[in-house]
Amino acid sequence: MHAKNLHGGRSQTGLRAHNERQILSLIRRFDALPKAQIAKSLGLSAQAVTVITNDLLAAGLIKKQPPKKGKVGKPIEPLSLCANGAYGLGLRVDRKIYQMTLVDFAGQINAQVSLHIDYPKVDSLMTFVSDAYRQIVQSVPSECQSRILGLGVATPYQLWAWPEAVGASKEALASWQAFDFETELKALIGLPVYLCNDDTAACSAELCFANSQRLQHFMYLYIGPFIGGGLVLNQQIYYGQNNNAGALGSMPVSGDKGAKQLIEEASLYLLENDLKVAGFEASLIYYPESSWSGFENILKAWLMRAANAIAQAALASMALLDLQAVVIDGAIPPAVKSQLIEAVQQKISQSDQRGIAGFRILPGTLGYQAQTIGSANLPIMQHYY
């Protein structure tokens, strides 16, 4: 296939690769589409679409769905992605967890290995990657192992910069400053490595595999140990010149004690600290199966603090970018996410919105898995989207 060789040139090969990417992206966005609709949406000739889709079918990247009978003419044959056409590995490096995930071409999780940690260390990460990679590859049919395109890594930007929030000393985190993820991990497992901010990866997953509202322009917030986010413009992730656009955790907001960064007002580590002071087993909030019950008053106080800061960030972003929506997701139970969204909406309704166009606050749909799916999607996007 030509898609992975595209570098933006105007040659016939580059144009063909561009059209392949466009077709795959369109099918992914709508789950399944007939060739006529693909041609109409992309402004391509029916013949060009037929030639390209025939090649994609032969490569095992797409497949035909059962024909659907139309009002007139021949039955329509929708085309959809072939799940085992390609795979992406994802590595999530978080404050409390290492997680490696294998995602197929359709965005479904095929295998996953996780390890809960006190705080991230270079040596323990390398050991985890070696063991988890071996386990995951062994779970894949031998004929599909060559279709694993690479490893995407999702990790907080400048992990060493917030030692208090990580729960470790500056000295313990210092080794991350010199650690080259791409070089070290490629040498370890022999696959291409693609590095991305963890919350930008989550934003990518929401855009590619969720986004039921078909939003074109939105701000994305992910509530994790650190809050962060991403920015989507024209249905594409906007990365910025340093690949750090949408670094919403660093956005200045006003808190109870003056100006702070959003990360210091709306992150889960703040709830964790409050729970520790009250004598709770605070680390349980980082486990997906945790019910978050028994500490309602502490949770309510955190929700109000987080909602106030998120509302400020949302209004500032809308004043600058005029987006359609703010999408809020995170490693939090669905009921808590609903409470947070309601609290943010209330704070915004009480704020001065003169000169700002109306926008919506919407829930994300991938929750705990957003970052890891997004990381595994990175090598797939590099090759085919």
Protein backbone atom coordinates (compact mmCIF):
# COMPACT_ATOMS: atom_id res chain seq x y z
CA MET A 1 0.00 0.00 0.00
CA HIS A 2 1.11 3.56 -0.67
CA ALA A 3 -0.45 5.26 2.35
CA LYS A 4 2.46 4.88 4.73
CA ASN A 5 4.85 6.45 2.17
CA LEU A 6 3.00 9.73 1.83
CA HIS A 7 5.10 12.83 2.54
CA GLY A 8 2.81 15.44 1.07
CA GLY A 9 4.30 15.65 -2.43
CA ARG A 10 2.37 16.15 -5.65
CA SER A 11 3.56 13.04 -7.47
CA GLN A 12 1.09 10.43 -8.63
CA THR A 13 2.29 8.15 -5.85
CA GLY A 14 1.76 10.90 -3.27
CA LEU A 15 -1.70 11.71 -4.62
CA ARG A 16 -2.68 8.06 -4.60
CA ALA A 17 -1.45 7.65 -1.02
CA HIS A 18 -3.36 10.77 -0.01
CA ASN A 19 -6.57 9.40 -1.50
CA GLU A 20 -6.05 6.06 0.25
CA ARG A 21 -5.71 7.85 3.56
CA GLN A 22 -8.80 9.95 2.84
CA ILE A 23 -10.87 6.88 2.03
CA LEU A 24 -9.75 4.95 5.09
CA SER A 25 -10.36 7.95 7.33
CA LEU A 26 -13.85 8.44 5.93
CA ILE A 27 -14.79 4.77 6.35
CA ARG A 28 -13.46 4.85 9.91
CA ARG A 29 -15.49 7.95 10.74
CA PHE A 30 -18.79 6.53 9.51
CA ASP A 31 -18.17 2.82 10.28
CA ALA A 32 -19.29 1.72 6.80
CA LEU A 33 -19.87 3.51 3.49
CA PRO A 34 -20.68 2.49 -0.11
CA LYS A 35 -18.29 3.49 -2.88
CA ALA A 36 -20.74 6.01 -4.34
CA GLN A 37 -20.91 7.89 -1.04
CA ILE A 38 -17.12 7.82 -0.71
CA ALA A 39 -16.72 9.30 -4.19
CA LYS A 40 -19.29 12.02 -3.50
CA SER A 41 -17.82 12.96 -0.10
CA LEU A 42 -14.23 13.19 -1.35
CA GLY A 43 -14.89 14.57 -4.83
CA LEU A 44 -13.25 11.60 -6.52
CA SER A 45 -14.38 9.78 -9.64
CA ALA A 46 -16.23 6.50 -9.27
CA GLN A 47 -13.44 4.79 -11.20
CA ALA A 48 -10.71 6.14 -8.89
CA VAL A 49 -12.60 5.00 -5.80
CA THR A 50 -13.18 1.56 -7.30
CA VAL A 51 -9.47 1.10 -8.13
CA ILE A 52 -8.31 2.23 -4.67
CA THR A 53 -10.92 0.28 -2.71
CA ASN A 54 -10.16 -2.87 -4.71
CA ASP A 55 -6.52 -2.54 -3.64
CA LEU A 56 -7.54 -1.92 -0.02
CA LEU A 57 -9.76 -5.01 -0.16
CA ALA A 58 -6.91 -7.08 -1.57
CA ALA A 59 -4.58 -5.79 1.19
CA GLY A 60 -7.08 -6.90 3.84
CA LEU A 61 -7.58 -3.38 5.20
CA ILE A 62 -11.28 -3.12 4.35
CA LYS A 63 -14.08 -5.60 3.72
CA LYS A 64 -17.49 -5.71 2.13
CA GLN A 65 -20.57 -5.66 4.34
CA PRO A 66 -23.74 -7.58 3.38
CA PRO A 67 -25.54 -5.79 0.50
CA LYS A 68 -28.37 -3.43 1.38
CA LYS A 69 -31.26 -3.14 -1.01
CA GLY A 70 -31.93 0.44 -2.14
CA LYS A 71 -35.06 2.00 -3.57
CA VAL A 72 -33.85 1.49 -7.13
CA GLY A 73 -30.98 -0.26 -8.89
CA LYS A 74 -28.56 -2.83 -7.58
CA PRO A 75 -28.13 -3.50 -3.84
CA ILE A 76 -25.60 -1.23 -2.13
CA GLU A 77 -22.44 -2.86 -0.73
CA PRO A 78 -21.05 -0.82 2.18
CA LEU A 79 -17.34 -1.04 2.91
CA SER A 80 -15.97 -1.17 6.46
CA LEU A 81 -12.57 -1.54 8.08
CA CYS A 82 -11.19 -5.04 8.46
CA ALA A 83 -10.33 -5.36 12.16
CA ASN A 84 -7.35 -7.67 11.69
CA GLY A 85 -5.92 -5.66 8.79
CA ALA A 86 -3.48 -3.89 11.10
CA TYR A 87 -2.69 -3.55 14.80
CA GLY A 88 -1.21 -0.87 17.00
CA LEU A 89 0.52 -1.31 20.34
CA GLY A 90 0.00 1.35 22.97
CA LEU A 91 1.96 2.10 26.12
CA ARG A 92 0.46 4.31 28.79
CA VAL A 93 2.95 5.69 31.31
CA ASP A 94 1.03 7.38 34.07
CA ARG A 95 1.67 8.46 37.62
CA LYS A 96 0.07 5.30 39.00
CA ILE A 97 0.06 2.75 36.19
CA TYR A 98 1.93 1.21 33.27
CA GLN A 99 -0.41 -0.26 30.68
CA MET A 100 0.32 -1.90 27.33
CA THR A 101 -2.57 -2.47 24.93
CA LEU A 102 -3.03 -4.04 21.53
CA VAL A 103 -5.72 -2.35 19.43
CA ASP A 104 -6.94 -3.59 16.07
CA PHE A 105 -7.63 -1.55 12.93
CA ALA A 106 -11.22 -0.90 14.07
CA GLY A 107 -10.12 0.44 17.46
CA GLN A 108 -11.07 -2.56 19.57
CA ILE A 109 -8.85 -3.72 22.42
CA ASN A 110 -7.49 -7.22 21.69
CA ALA A 111 -5.08 -7.63 24.62
CA GLN A 112 -3.97 -5.60 27.61
CA VAL A 113 -1.38 -5.89 30.39
CA SER A 114 -1.36 -3.48 33.36
CA LEU A 115 0.83 -2.84 36.38
CA HIS A 116 -0.10 -0.47 39.22
CA ILE A 117 2.88 1.42 40.62
CA ASP A 118 3.76 3.85 43.42
CA TYR A 119 5.38 6.19 40.92
CA PRO A 120 7.03 5.74 37.50
CA LYS A 121 10.71 4.73 37.32
CA VAL A 122 12.79 4.17 34.18
CA ASP A 123 14.09 0.74 35.24
CA SER A 124 10.66 -0.60 36.19
CA LEU A 125 9.18 0.69 32.94
CA MET A 126 11.76 -1.11 30.81
CA THR A 127 11.13 -4.36 32.66
CA PHE A 128 7.38 -3.94 32.25
CA VAL A 129 7.63 -3.21 28.53
CA SER A 130 9.79 -6.27 27.90
CA ASP A 131 7.44 -8.61 29.79
CA ALA A 132 4.17 -7.09 28.53
CA TYR A 133 5.32 -7.07 24.90
CA ARG A 134 6.18 -10.75 25.05
CA GLN A 135 2.79 -11.60 26.58
CA ILE A 136 0.83 -9.59 24.03
CA VAL A 137 2.68 -10.86 20.96
CA GLN A 138 2.12 -14.43 22.12
CA SER A 139 -1.63 -13.73 22.28
CA VAL A 140 -1.77 -12.74 18.60
CA PRO A 141 -2.18 -15.39 15.88
CA SER A 142 1.18 -15.97 14.19
CA GLU A 143 -0.14 -14.85 10.79
CA CYS A 144 -1.14 -11.47 12.30
CA GLN A 145 2.04 -10.65 14.25
CA SER A 146 3.68 -8.97 11.25
CA ARG A 147 0.72 -6.57 11.11
CA ILE A 148 1.70 -4.88 14.38
CA LEU A 149 2.79 -1.50 13.04
CA GLY A 150 4.57 -0.01 16.03
CA LEU A 151 4.34 1.20 19.61
CA GLY A 152 2.61 4.44 20.56
CA VAL A 153 3.59 5.91 23.92
CA ALA A 154 1.27 8.20 25.88
CA THR A 155 2.89 9.94 28.83
CA PRO A 156 2.53 13.27 30.63
CA TYR A 157 4.64 16.06 29.19
CA GLN A 158 7.66 16.75 31.42
CA LEU A 159 6.75 14.04 33.93
CA TRP A 160 9.56 15.22 36.21
CA ALA A 161 8.20 18.77 36.51
CA TRP A 162 5.54 18.01 39.16
CA PRO A 163 7.25 15.87 41.84
CA GLU A 164 4.68 16.79 44.51
CA ALA A 165 1.83 15.69 42.28
CA VAL A 166 3.63 12.49 41.28
CA GLY A 167 4.31 11.64 44.90
CA ALA A 168 8.07 11.27 44.48
CA SER A 169 11.18 13.35 45.07
CA LYS A 170 12.89 15.41 42.38
CA GLU A 171 15.84 13.05 42.61
CA ALA A 172 13.65 9.99 42.01
CA LEU A 173 12.20 11.55 38.85
CA ALA A 174 15.40 13.12 37.52
CA SER A 175 16.24 10.15 35.26
CA TRP A 176 13.16 10.88 33.12
CA GLN A 177 14.72 14.12 31.85
CA ALA A 178 17.40 12.24 29.96
CA PHE A 179 15.26 9.24 28.97
CA ASP A 180 14.62 9.00 25.22
CA PHE A 181 11.43 6.96 24.85
CA GLU A 182 11.75 6.49 21.11
CA THR A 183 15.38 5.33 21.09
CA GLU A 184 15.27 3.14 24.20
CA LEU A 185 11.97 1.39 23.50
CA LYS A 186 12.73 0.80 19.83
CA ALA A 187 15.99 -0.87 20.85
CA LEU A 188 14.10 -3.00 23.37
CA ILE A 189 11.28 -4.37 21.19
CA GLY A 190 12.42 -3.65 17.64
CA LEU A 191 9.34 -1.69 16.53
CA PRO A 192 8.95 1.98 15.52
CA VAL A 193 7.98 4.13 18.50
CA TYR A 194 5.70 7.17 18.39
CA LEU A 195 5.57 9.50 21.38
CA CYS A 196 2.58 11.66 22.35
CA ASN A 197 1.30 13.57 25.32
CA ASP A 198 -1.06 11.24 27.20
CA ASP A 199 -4.10 13.50 27.05
CA THR A 200 -3.54 14.36 23.39
CA ALA A 201 -3.59 10.59 22.79
CA ALA A 202 -6.90 10.37 24.66
CA CYS A 203 -8.23 13.21 22.52
CA SER A 204 -7.16 11.29 19.42
CA ALA A 205 -9.08 8.23 20.60
CA GLU A 206 -12.21 10.29 21.19
CA LEU A 207 -11.92 11.83 17.73
CA CYS A 208 -11.26 8.56 15.89
CA PHE A 209 -13.44 6.06 17.70
CA ALA A 210 -16.15 8.02 19.48
CA ASN A 211 -17.33 11.57 18.59
CA SER A 212 -20.92 10.50 17.99
CA GLN A 213 -21.85 14.17 17.65
CA ARG A 214 -19.57 14.45 14.57
CA LEU A 215 -17.96 17.53 16.08
CA GLN A 216 -15.56 19.45 13.83
CA HIS A 217 -13.98 21.72 16.45
CA PHE A 218 -13.77 20.95 20.15
CA MET A 219 -11.65 21.14 23.25
CA TYR A 220 -11.05 17.87 25.05
CA LEU A 221 -10.36 17.48 28.77
CA TYR A 222 -9.21 14.26 30.40
CA ILE A 223 -9.48 13.98 34.19
CA GLY A 224 -6.64 11.78 35.42
CA PRO A 225 -3.99 11.99 38.15
CA PHE A 226 -3.11 15.16 36.22
CA ILE A 227 -5.80 16.94 34.21
CA GLY A 228 -4.87 17.60 30.60
CA GLY A 229 -6.42 17.80 27.21
CA GLY A 230 -6.24 18.25 23.48
CA LEU A 231 -7.54 20.47 20.73
CA VAL A 232 -9.44 19.42 17.59
CA LEU A 233 -9.79 21.82 14.67
CA ASN A 234 -11.43 20.80 11.40
CA GLN A 235 -11.72 17.22 12.69
CA GLN A 236 -7.96 16.96 13.14
CA ILE A 237 -5.77 17.06 16.22
CA TYR A 238 -3.94 20.37 16.36
CA TYR A 239 -0.45 19.72 17.75
CA GLY A 240 1.25 23.11 17.54
CA GLN A 241 4.89 23.81 16.64
CA ASN A 242 6.22 21.90 19.67
CA ASN A 243 3.60 19.13 19.64
CA ASN A 244 2.21 20.62 22.84
CA ALA A 245 -0.96 22.43 21.76
CA GLY A 246 -3.93 21.74 24.00
CA ALA A 247 -1.73 21.60 27.12
CA LEU A 248 -4.73 22.65 29.15
CA GLY A 249 -3.29 21.49 32.45
CA SER A 250 -0.91 24.46 32.23
CA MET A 251 -3.69 26.98 31.60
CA PRO A 252 -3.78 29.68 34.30
CA VAL A 253 -6.96 29.85 36.38
CA SER A 254 -8.01 31.54 39.58
CA GLY A 255 -8.31 29.33 42.67
CA ASP A 256 -9.07 29.91 46.33
CA LYS A 257 -5.49 31.04 46.91
CA GLY A 258 -4.90 33.11 43.80
CA ALA A 259 -3.68 32.29 40.31
CA LYS A 260 -2.72 28.68 39.65
CA GLN A 261 -2.51 26.23 36.79
CA LEU A 262 -5.54 24.10 35.97
CA ILE A 263 -3.52 21.01 36.91
CA GLU A 264 -3.35 22.34 40.49
CA GLU A 265 -7.12 22.78 40.76
CA ALA A 266 -8.79 19.93 38.87
CA SER A 267 -6.53 16.85 38.99
CA LEU A 268 -7.27 13.58 40.75
CA TYR A 269 -4.11 13.76 42.84
CA LEU A 270 -5.84 16.56 44.79
CA LEU A 271 -8.75 14.25 45.63
CA GLU A 272 -6.23 11.55 46.54
CA ASN A 273 -4.46 13.90 48.98
CA ASP A 274 -7.75 14.91 50.61
CA LEU A 275 -8.73 11.27 51.04
CA LYS A 276 -5.35 10.42 52.60
CA VAL A 277 -5.75 13.22 55.15
CA ALA A 278 -9.20 11.84 56.04
CA GLY A 279 -7.80 8.33 56.53
CA PHE A 280 -9.13 6.64 53.37
CA GLU A 281 -7.29 4.16 51.14
CA ALA A 282 -6.87 6.84 48.51
CA SER A 283 -5.14 4.78 45.81
CA LEU A 284 -8.41 2.92 45.16
CA ILE A 285 -9.70 5.83 43.09
CA TYR A 286 -7.23 4.81 40.37
CA TYR A 287 -8.77 1.35 39.94
CA PRO A 288 -11.57 1.14 37.31
CA GLU A 289 -13.65 -1.17 39.48
CA SER A 290 -13.68 1.25 42.42
CA SER A 291 -17.16 2.58 43.27
CA TRP A 292 -15.98 5.87 44.80
CA SER A 293 -18.43 5.50 47.69
CA GLY A 294 -18.15 6.39 51.36
CA PHE A 295 -16.48 9.78 50.91
CA GLU A 296 -19.28 11.83 49.35
CA ASN A 297 -18.51 15.09 51.18
CA ILE A 298 -14.84 15.01 50.18
CA LEU A 299 -15.79 14.17 46.60
CA LYS A 300 -18.32 17.03 46.47
CA ALA A 301 -15.70 19.54 47.62
CA TRP A 302 -13.28 18.33 44.93
CA LEU A 303 -16.00 18.45 42.28
CA MET A 304 -16.84 22.07 43.09
CA ARG A 305 -13.17 23.10 43.05
CA ALA A 306 -12.52 21.27 39.76
CA ALA A 307 -15.70 22.58 38.13
CA ASN A 308 -14.83 26.18 38.96
CA ALA A 309 -11.40 25.85 37.35
CA ILE A 310 -12.64 23.91 34.30
CA ALA A 311 -15.36 26.49 33.67
CA GLN A 312 -12.71 29.24 33.58
CA ALA A 313 -10.56 27.23 31.16
CA ALA A 314 -13.56 26.48 28.95
CA LEU A 315 -14.63 30.12 28.71
CA ALA A 316 -11.09 31.29 27.96
CA SER A 317 -10.75 28.68 25.22
CA MET A 318 -14.08 29.60 23.67
CA ALA A 319 -13.22 33.30 23.65
CA LEU A 320 -10.04 32.50 21.74
CA LEU A 321 -11.10 29.65 19.45
CA ASP A 322 -14.91 29.75 19.05
CA LEU A 323 -15.33 25.98 19.30
CA GLN A 324 -18.47 23.87 19.21
CA ALA A 325 -18.02 22.08 22.51
CA VAL A 326 -15.92 21.04 25.46
CA VAL A 327 -15.74 17.26 25.81
CA ILE A 328 -14.99 16.00 29.32
CA ASP A 329 -13.79 12.47 29.99
CA GLY A 330 -11.41 10.78 32.35
CA ALA A 331 -10.44 7.96 34.66
CA ILE A 332 -13.53 8.53 36.77
CA PRO A 333 -16.81 6.62 37.19
CA PRO A 334 -19.60 7.64 34.77
CA ALA A 335 -21.78 8.95 37.62
CA VAL A 336 -18.95 11.21 38.83
CA LYS A 337 -18.35 12.44 35.28
CA SER A 338 -22.03 13.38 35.02
CA GLN A 339 -21.83 15.27 38.32
CA LEU A 340 -18.74 17.13 37.16
CA ILE A 341 -20.30 18.12 33.84
CA GLU A 342 -23.42 19.38 35.63
CA ALA A 343 -21.27 21.42 38.03
CA VAL A 344 -19.24 22.90 35.14
CA GLN A 345 -22.41 23.85 33.29
CA GLN A 346 -23.72 25.56 36.42
CA LYS A 347 -20.48 27.52 36.91
CA ILE A 348 -20.53 28.64 33.27
CA SER A 349 -24.17 29.73 33.54
CA GLN A 350 -23.18 31.96 36.47
CA SER A 351 -20.25 33.52 34.57
CA ASP A 352 -20.03 36.57 32.34
CA GLN A 353 -20.36 35.17 28.80
CA ARG A 354 -20.75 38.45 26.88
CA GLY A 355 -19.08 38.22 23.48
CA ILE A 356 -18.75 34.41 23.62
CA ALA A 357 -20.85 32.24 21.29
CA GLY A 358 -22.87 29.42 22.80
CA PHE A 359 -21.18 26.04 23.20
CA ARG A 360 -21.93 22.66 24.75
CA ILE A 361 -20.35 20.64 27.55
CA LEU A 362 -20.43 16.98 26.49
CA PRO A 363 -19.26 13.70 28.04
CA GLY A 364 -16.52 11.65 26.41
CA THR A 365 -17.28 7.98 25.89
CA LEU A 366 -14.03 6.03 26.34
CA GLY A 367 -13.34 6.78 30.00
CA TYR A 368 -10.49 4.84 31.59
CA GLN A 369 -9.37 3.41 28.24
CA ALA A 370 -9.10 6.68 26.30
CA GLN A 371 -5.36 7.21 26.82
CA THR A 372 -4.35 3.64 26.13
CA ILE A 373 -6.55 3.33 23.01
CA GLY A 374 -5.19 6.65 21.82
CA SER A 375 -1.59 5.55 22.29
CA ALA A 376 -2.17 2.30 20.37
CA ASN A 377 -3.84 4.30 17.60
CA LEU A 378 -0.69 6.38 17.01
CA PRO A 379 1.16 3.86 14.79
CA ILE A 380 -2.06 3.11 12.88
CA MET A 381 -2.62 6.81 12.22
CA GLN A 382 0.98 7.24 11.08
CA HIS A 383 0.57 4.50 8.47
CA TYR A 384 -2.99 4.85 7.25
CA TYR A 385 -4.78 8.06 8.32
